[in-house]
Each structure stands twice: as C-alpha cells, then as structure tokens.
Amino acid sequence: MPRALIADDEPHLAQYLKTQLATLWPALEILPLARDGEEAAARIAAEAPDIAFLDIQMPGLSGLEVAQGIEGSTRVVFVTAYDEYALQAFEAAALDYLLKPLKTERLARCVERLRAALAAPAPEPDAQLARALQQLSPPAPAAVPRLRWLRASQGELTHQIDVQQVRYFHADDKYTVVQTGEAEYLIRTPIVELLPQLDPEQFLQVHRSTIVNMAHLAGTRRDAASRLFLRIREHERELPVSRAYVHLFKSM
C-alpha cells in the first residue's frame, strides 16, 4: 500500500486534500499531517513515504527547502497558492505542481501521474532530474576553446582575470558575478553560455545559477534538513547545492 505525507500549516486545507485523495485513491495511506517544514523534513527522513504533498510556504522550512533535502525515492508534489514557484519546483524534482484552491479534476490527473510513477521502476531522483536538465540545455558547440582569461568589470574599471583564480560564478539579475578570493566582478555572459567554455573536470554546476571551481572547495556541510552546502576557501559565504546536483558530492 503506497503511503503519502501531507505537509501544510493550514489544517483545513490539508484535511480537504486528504478527503479528496481518499475518494480518488482509496488504497493510498495518508500519514498524520506535518504542520511545518522542519517536521515534514524529519518525517520524510524517518518514514520515507512514497509521496510528499508539500505546501511551499510553511514556517521553519519552505516546501522547496524540504524537497531539496530529500535523499530517498519520495516523490514530491507541491501544493501552493502561487504559480511563481514553478521553475524552482522543477529544480527540486517535483513530480507535479498543484495550485490552490485545489480542483478535483486537476488532482485526479495528478493521482494518475503518481500511480504511473509508483508502478514503474524509477531512477534515482537526482539522476532523473540531471538528465532532464541536460536535455533542456543547448548542446555545447564542438571543440569549444577553454577560457583562460576573463574581462570583467568592477565599477568603471575593466579587469583581466585568470580563470584559475575564480572561486565561483553566480547569476545575478542581468549579470553573472565572478567571485575571486579578493573581490567580485561582473560579466554579461549567462551561466548557460559560460559553462561549456570552462574545464568540466574543474568547474561544476551546483545550482541553476551557480558554477563552482572545485580547486577552491574547502568542504561540504549538511543542515538539519539534509540540504547540502559548499564551503569555499578564503570565502565566508556557503553555496547551496540544488537537488539536481547533490549526486555529484555523494562520495564526499
């Protein structure tokens, strides 16, 4: 019998979802409600439900943060009143994305998708999402020359930067931030165009907006929700690793 966890800080909405699921999928066992993100993360880690219906905006941890910390095979369905999180939901490997107020016919389609997913042998979520992201990314041109130097701006000045000195690149609105050990600079090349020009054995994408120079990696850390963060030498800021790329660090 498949099992599902509902996490929502609004009990009446959670109860409505539970009632609808009982009608659409009588064989589904619904576990006791999780009322905030931290409880949801702990329960998923301890009980490994087949499905987690996560509200995105919850106290403690958001549904997106909870999803990024899942390391088992729990399928995630986000339930939210806002459609602005769709891209982040995809990055967090969500199987579906439901908008409040829930509509029975839409939930029925979600149930069909979940049943099909549980019936088929599923690959590891991280590997599955990584392949999906790879398919969405434009193929790299053949024989792309590797970057050795960057021309990046800082205020009114343009600097010549050795790529080996870059700690990480991070997308920021219209620019890409180039972070070295001493300062940060700006370039206009987007992450998706920058990555094919970098040495893939040294520079790894760890988030849809972040590329890290592994030569400057000091270590990793996991928080209470099992989210992974990277520590960079000579830099105080920790960089989050999205669920799509966690598998790159499983040996660390």
Protein backbone atom coordinates (compact mmCIF):
# COMPACT_ATOMS: atom_id res chain seq x y z
CA MET A 1 0.00 0.00 0.00
CA PRO A 2 1.53 3.36 -1.02
CA ARG A 3 1.92 5.97 1.71
CA ALA A 4 1.73 9.76 1.48
CA LEU A 5 2.62 12.62 3.79
CA ILE A 6 0.78 15.96 3.62
CA ALA A 7 2.67 19.00 4.94
CA ASP A 8 0.69 22.22 5.30
CA ASP A 9 0.40 24.82 8.06
CA GLU A 10 -3.28 25.30 7.23
CA PRO A 11 -5.03 22.23 8.70
CA HIS A 12 -8.36 22.79 6.92
CA LEU A 13 -6.65 22.82 3.50
CA ALA A 14 -4.66 19.72 4.42
CA GLN A 15 -7.87 17.98 5.50
CA TYR A 16 -9.55 18.90 2.22
CA LEU A 17 -6.65 17.38 0.27
CA LYS A 18 -6.78 14.26 2.45
CA THR A 19 -10.52 13.87 1.84
CA GLN A 20 -10.14 14.29 -1.92
CA LEU A 21 -7.30 11.76 -2.04
CA ALA A 22 -9.37 9.26 -0.06
CA THR A 23 -12.03 9.46 -2.77
CA LEU A 24 -9.70 9.42 -5.77
CA TRP A 25 -7.21 6.88 -4.41
CA PRO A 26 -8.72 4.73 -1.64
CA ALA A 27 -5.64 2.49 -1.46
CA LEU A 28 -3.38 5.41 -0.54
CA GLU A 29 -2.45 5.52 3.14
CA ILE A 30 -2.27 9.09 4.43
CA LEU A 31 0.19 9.60 7.29
CA PRO A 32 -0.51 12.10 10.11
CA LEU A 33 -0.23 15.73 9.00
CA ALA A 34 3.08 17.62 9.22
CA ARG A 35 2.35 21.22 10.24
CA ASP A 36 5.63 22.91 9.25
CA GLY A 37 8.69 22.41 7.08
CA GLU A 38 11.02 21.13 9.79
CA GLU A 39 8.52 18.47 10.88
CA ALA A 40 7.99 17.47 7.24
CA ALA A 41 11.74 17.08 6.64
CA ALA A 42 12.18 14.97 9.77
CA ARG A 43 9.17 12.77 8.99
CA ILE A 44 10.23 12.18 5.38
CA ALA A 45 13.74 11.21 6.52
CA ALA A 46 12.36 8.87 9.21
CA GLU A 47 9.35 7.31 7.45
CA ALA A 48 10.32 7.53 3.75
CA PRO A 49 6.77 7.92 2.38
CA ASP A 50 6.22 7.19 -1.30
CA ILE A 51 4.73 10.66 -1.86
CA ALA A 52 5.01 14.02 -0.11
CA PHE A 53 2.44 16.75 -0.78
CA LEU A 54 4.32 19.88 0.30
CA ASP A 55 2.93 23.36 0.76
CA ILE A 56 5.63 25.75 -0.47
CA GLN A 57 5.17 28.50 2.12
CA MET A 58 5.46 26.96 5.57
CA PRO A 59 7.06 28.02 8.88
CA GLY A 60 10.59 26.82 9.57
CA LEU A 61 11.47 25.44 6.14
CA SER A 62 9.69 26.09 2.87
CA GLY A 63 8.42 23.18 0.83
CA LEU A 64 11.19 23.88 -1.69
CA GLU A 65 13.83 23.59 1.04
CA VAL A 66 12.29 20.37 2.31
CA ALA A 67 12.31 18.89 -1.20
CA GLN A 68 15.96 19.80 -1.77
CA GLY A 69 16.90 17.83 1.35
CA ILE A 70 15.15 14.59 0.31
CA GLU A 71 17.66 11.85 -0.49
CA GLY A 72 15.34 8.85 -0.81
CA SER A 73 12.81 7.98 -3.51
CA THR A 74 9.92 10.04 -2.12
CA ARG A 75 8.03 11.69 -4.98
CA VAL A 76 7.20 15.34 -4.39
CA VAL A 77 4.03 17.22 -5.29
CA PHE A 78 3.97 20.92 -4.44
CA VAL A 79 0.69 22.48 -3.36
CA THR A 80 0.65 26.27 -3.33
CA ALA A 81 -1.50 29.33 -3.90
CA TYR A 82 1.18 30.90 -6.11
CA ASP A 83 2.36 29.90 -9.58
CA GLU A 84 5.63 31.88 -9.39
CA TYR A 85 7.50 28.88 -7.98
CA ALA A 86 7.08 26.60 -10.99
CA LEU A 87 10.71 26.77 -12.13
CA GLN A 88 12.01 26.17 -8.62
CA ALA A 89 9.59 23.28 -8.26
CA PHE A 90 11.08 21.68 -11.37
CA GLU A 91 14.58 22.16 -9.99
CA ALA A 92 13.52 20.45 -6.77
CA ALA A 93 12.45 17.39 -8.82
CA ALA A 94 8.72 17.79 -8.24
CA LEU A 95 6.54 15.22 -9.97
CA ASP A 96 3.62 17.65 -10.07
CA TYR A 97 2.60 21.15 -9.04
CA LEU A 98 -0.91 21.91 -7.78
CA LEU A 99 -2.42 25.35 -7.33
CA LYS A 100 -4.81 26.25 -4.52
CA PRO A 101 -7.75 26.18 -4.43
CA LEU A 102 -7.48 22.56 -5.49
CA LYS A 103 -9.73 21.35 -8.28
CA THR A 104 -10.90 17.75 -8.26
CA GLU A 105 -10.22 17.12 -11.95
CA ARG A 106 -6.68 18.52 -11.65
CA LEU A 107 -5.97 16.41 -8.56
CA ALA A 108 -7.32 13.35 -10.41
CA ARG A 109 -4.72 13.87 -13.15
CA CYS A 110 -2.05 14.21 -10.50
CA VAL A 111 -3.15 10.91 -8.94
CA GLU A 112 -2.91 9.19 -12.32
CA ARG A 113 0.62 10.52 -12.75
CA LEU A 114 1.60 9.38 -9.27
CA ARG A 115 0.19 5.90 -9.81
CA ALA A 116 2.12 5.54 -13.03
CA ALA A 117 5.31 6.76 -11.38
CA LEU A 118 4.97 4.30 -8.50
CA ALA A 119 4.16 1.42 -10.82
CA ALA A 120 7.29 1.91 -12.93
CA PRO A 121 10.80 1.34 -11.59
CA ALA A 122 12.03 4.90 -11.13
CA PRO A 123 15.65 6.01 -11.40
CA GLU A 124 17.23 7.94 -8.56
CA PRO A 125 15.55 11.39 -8.40
CA ASP A 126 18.85 13.22 -8.67
CA ALA A 127 19.94 11.31 -11.78
CA GLN A 128 16.49 11.61 -13.33
CA LEU A 129 16.41 15.37 -12.89
CA ALA A 130 20.01 15.80 -14.01
CA ARG A 131 19.15 14.06 -17.30
CA ALA A 132 16.08 16.26 -17.73
CA LEU A 133 18.12 19.41 -17.17
CA GLN A 134 20.76 18.18 -19.59
CA GLN A 135 18.12 17.63 -22.28
CA LEU A 136 16.80 21.16 -21.77
CA SER A 137 20.25 22.73 -22.04
CA PRO A 138 21.51 23.59 -25.53
CA PRO A 139 24.29 21.25 -26.68
CA ALA A 140 27.79 22.62 -26.40
CA PRO A 141 29.44 23.52 -29.71
CA ALA A 142 32.17 21.16 -30.85
CA ALA A 143 35.72 21.97 -29.79
CA VAL A 144 34.83 24.99 -27.66
CA PRO A 145 38.09 26.62 -26.54
CA ARG A 146 38.54 26.66 -22.78
CA LEU A 147 38.54 30.04 -21.10
CA ARG A 148 41.87 31.10 -19.63
CA TRP A 149 41.16 34.78 -19.03
CA LEU A 150 38.07 36.87 -18.37
CA ARG A 151 37.48 40.53 -18.95
CA ALA A 152 35.19 41.58 -16.12
CA SER A 153 34.06 44.94 -14.80
CA GLN A 154 34.20 46.40 -11.33
CA GLY A 155 32.69 49.84 -11.21
CA GLU A 156 34.15 51.85 -14.08
CA LEU A 157 37.22 49.62 -14.45
CA THR A 158 37.64 46.51 -16.58
CA HIS A 159 39.94 43.82 -15.19
CA GLN A 160 41.77 40.88 -16.77
CA ILE A 161 41.14 37.86 -14.51
CA ASP A 162 42.83 34.48 -14.56
CA VAL A 163 40.04 31.88 -14.62
CA GLN A 164 42.04 29.71 -12.20
CA GLN A 165 41.59 32.42 -9.55
CA VAL A 166 37.79 32.37 -9.78
CA ARG A 167 36.11 30.74 -6.77
CA TYR A 168 32.66 30.59 -8.35
CA PHE A 169 30.29 32.19 -10.85
CA HIS A 170 26.78 33.19 -9.79
CA ALA A 171 23.92 34.53 -11.90
CA ASP A 172 22.63 37.83 -10.57
CA ASP A 173 19.77 39.50 -12.46
CA LYS A 174 21.24 40.73 -15.79
CA TYR A 175 24.84 39.88 -14.92
CA THR A 176 27.00 36.98 -13.80
CA VAL A 177 29.07 37.61 -10.67
CA VAL A 178 32.70 36.46 -10.89
CA GLN A 179 33.95 35.82 -7.35
CA THR A 180 37.68 35.63 -6.70
CA GLY A 181 39.44 35.40 -3.35
CA GLU A 182 39.84 39.17 -3.20
CA ALA A 183 36.78 40.71 -4.85
CA GLU A 184 33.79 40.22 -7.10
CA TYR A 185 33.40 41.37 -10.69
CA LEU A 186 30.62 41.35 -13.27
CA ILE A 187 30.34 39.88 -16.75
CA ARG A 188 27.35 39.73 -19.10
CA THR A 189 27.84 36.11 -20.20
CA PRO A 190 24.97 33.99 -18.79
CA ILE A 191 25.69 30.79 -16.86
CA VAL A 192 24.30 28.56 -19.63
CA GLU A 193 26.80 30.02 -22.15
CA LEU A 194 29.69 30.18 -19.70
CA LEU A 195 29.64 26.55 -18.57
CA PRO A 196 30.66 24.95 -21.93
CA GLN A 197 33.72 27.22 -22.04
CA LEU A 198 35.06 26.00 -18.69
CA ASP A 199 37.06 22.87 -17.90
CA PRO A 200 34.38 20.31 -16.86
CA GLU A 201 36.85 18.50 -14.59
CA GLN A 202 37.43 21.64 -12.57
CA PHE A 203 34.23 23.70 -12.82
CA LEU A 204 30.95 22.09 -11.75
CA GLN A 205 27.46 23.49 -11.91
CA VAL A 206 25.88 23.01 -8.46
CA HIS A 207 22.74 25.09 -8.92
CA ARG A 208 20.90 26.54 -11.91
CA SER A 209 22.58 29.86 -11.06
CA THR A 210 25.98 28.74 -9.69
CA ILE A 211 29.21 27.23 -11.08
CA VAL A 212 31.96 26.34 -8.60
CA ASN A 213 35.71 26.00 -9.13
CA MET A 214 36.42 22.70 -7.36
CA ALA A 215 40.07 23.66 -6.95
CA HIS A 216 38.94 26.08 -4.23
CA LEU A 217 36.46 23.79 -2.47
CA ALA A 218 37.22 23.62 1.27
CA GLY A 219 34.48 21.17 2.25
CA THR A 220 30.76 20.47 2.48
CA ARG A 221 28.10 20.75 5.18
CA ARG A 222 24.59 19.40 5.64
CA ASP A 223 21.99 21.17 7.74
CA ALA A 224 19.24 19.63 9.86
CA ALA A 225 17.05 19.18 6.75
CA SER A 226 19.87 17.34 4.89
CA ARG A 227 20.40 20.23 2.46
CA LEU A 228 23.95 20.32 1.13
CA PHE A 229 26.16 23.42 1.21
CA LEU A 230 29.68 24.01 -0.14
CA ARG A 231 32.40 25.87 1.72
CA ILE A 232 34.87 27.79 -0.44
CA ARG A 233 38.42 28.66 0.60
CA GLU A 234 39.02 32.30 1.52
CA HIS A 235 35.30 32.99 1.33
CA GLU A 236 32.76 33.17 4.16
CA ARG A 237 29.61 32.52 2.15
CA GLU A 238 28.32 28.95 1.84
CA LEU A 239 26.84 27.93 -1.51
CA PRO A 240 23.70 25.75 -1.62
CA VAL A 241 23.66 22.67 -3.87
CA SER A 242 20.29 22.07 -5.50
CA ARG A 243 18.83 18.58 -5.52
CA ALA A 244 19.63 18.12 -9.20
CA TYR A 245 23.37 18.17 -8.43
CA VAL A 246 23.63 16.57 -4.97
CA HIS A 247 24.67 13.25 -6.53
CA LEU A 248 27.96 14.86 -7.63
CA PHE A 249 29.03 15.06 -3.97
CA LYS A 250 27.82 11.72 -2.57
CA SER A 251 31.38 10.44 -2.21
CA MET A 252 32.40 13.45 -0.09
